[in-house]
């Protein structure tokens, strides 16, 4: 049983790696590189776009990185005009991250590139296959989150996720 699980895990890692290196990902990163935006910066940009006004400590927790690392990424995004810092009106010790109008436009543009690239891939599948892919990924995400399958828990349908993980 263990060998089967190991083989399945290895195969899934290979599939996910191959998927993430396909054309739609390359298009997205070509655009990001033209803007001198690195992977960590793009991840924080997407996170703040999804969770506007998020405390820096929440960003650090979400990506499993240190607060100084988030601060450094925020410094770079701020210097590029994509992000600004604001005080938490309830607790002045916390710094909140907010996108500037330019940062909001960039996040929407990068997300649109992701959606368009993935749509080109999905159009090659039948509607039934697309549903199977989504159902399988929702179940995989649910298992990764530790949801209790007996409670019918599965991942909610969400907007297009940012590329990759932490940073």
Foldseek 3Di string as FASTA:
>chain_A
DVVVVVVVVVVVVVVVVVVCPDDLNVVLVVVCVVLVHDPQLLQVLLVCLVVPFAWLVVLCVQQVHDSVVSVVSQVVCVVSQFKDWDADPVDRVTITIHTDPVSNVSSVVSLVSNVVVVVVVCVVDDPVVVVVVVVVVQQVVCVVVVHDVVVVDTDDDDRDHDPDGHD
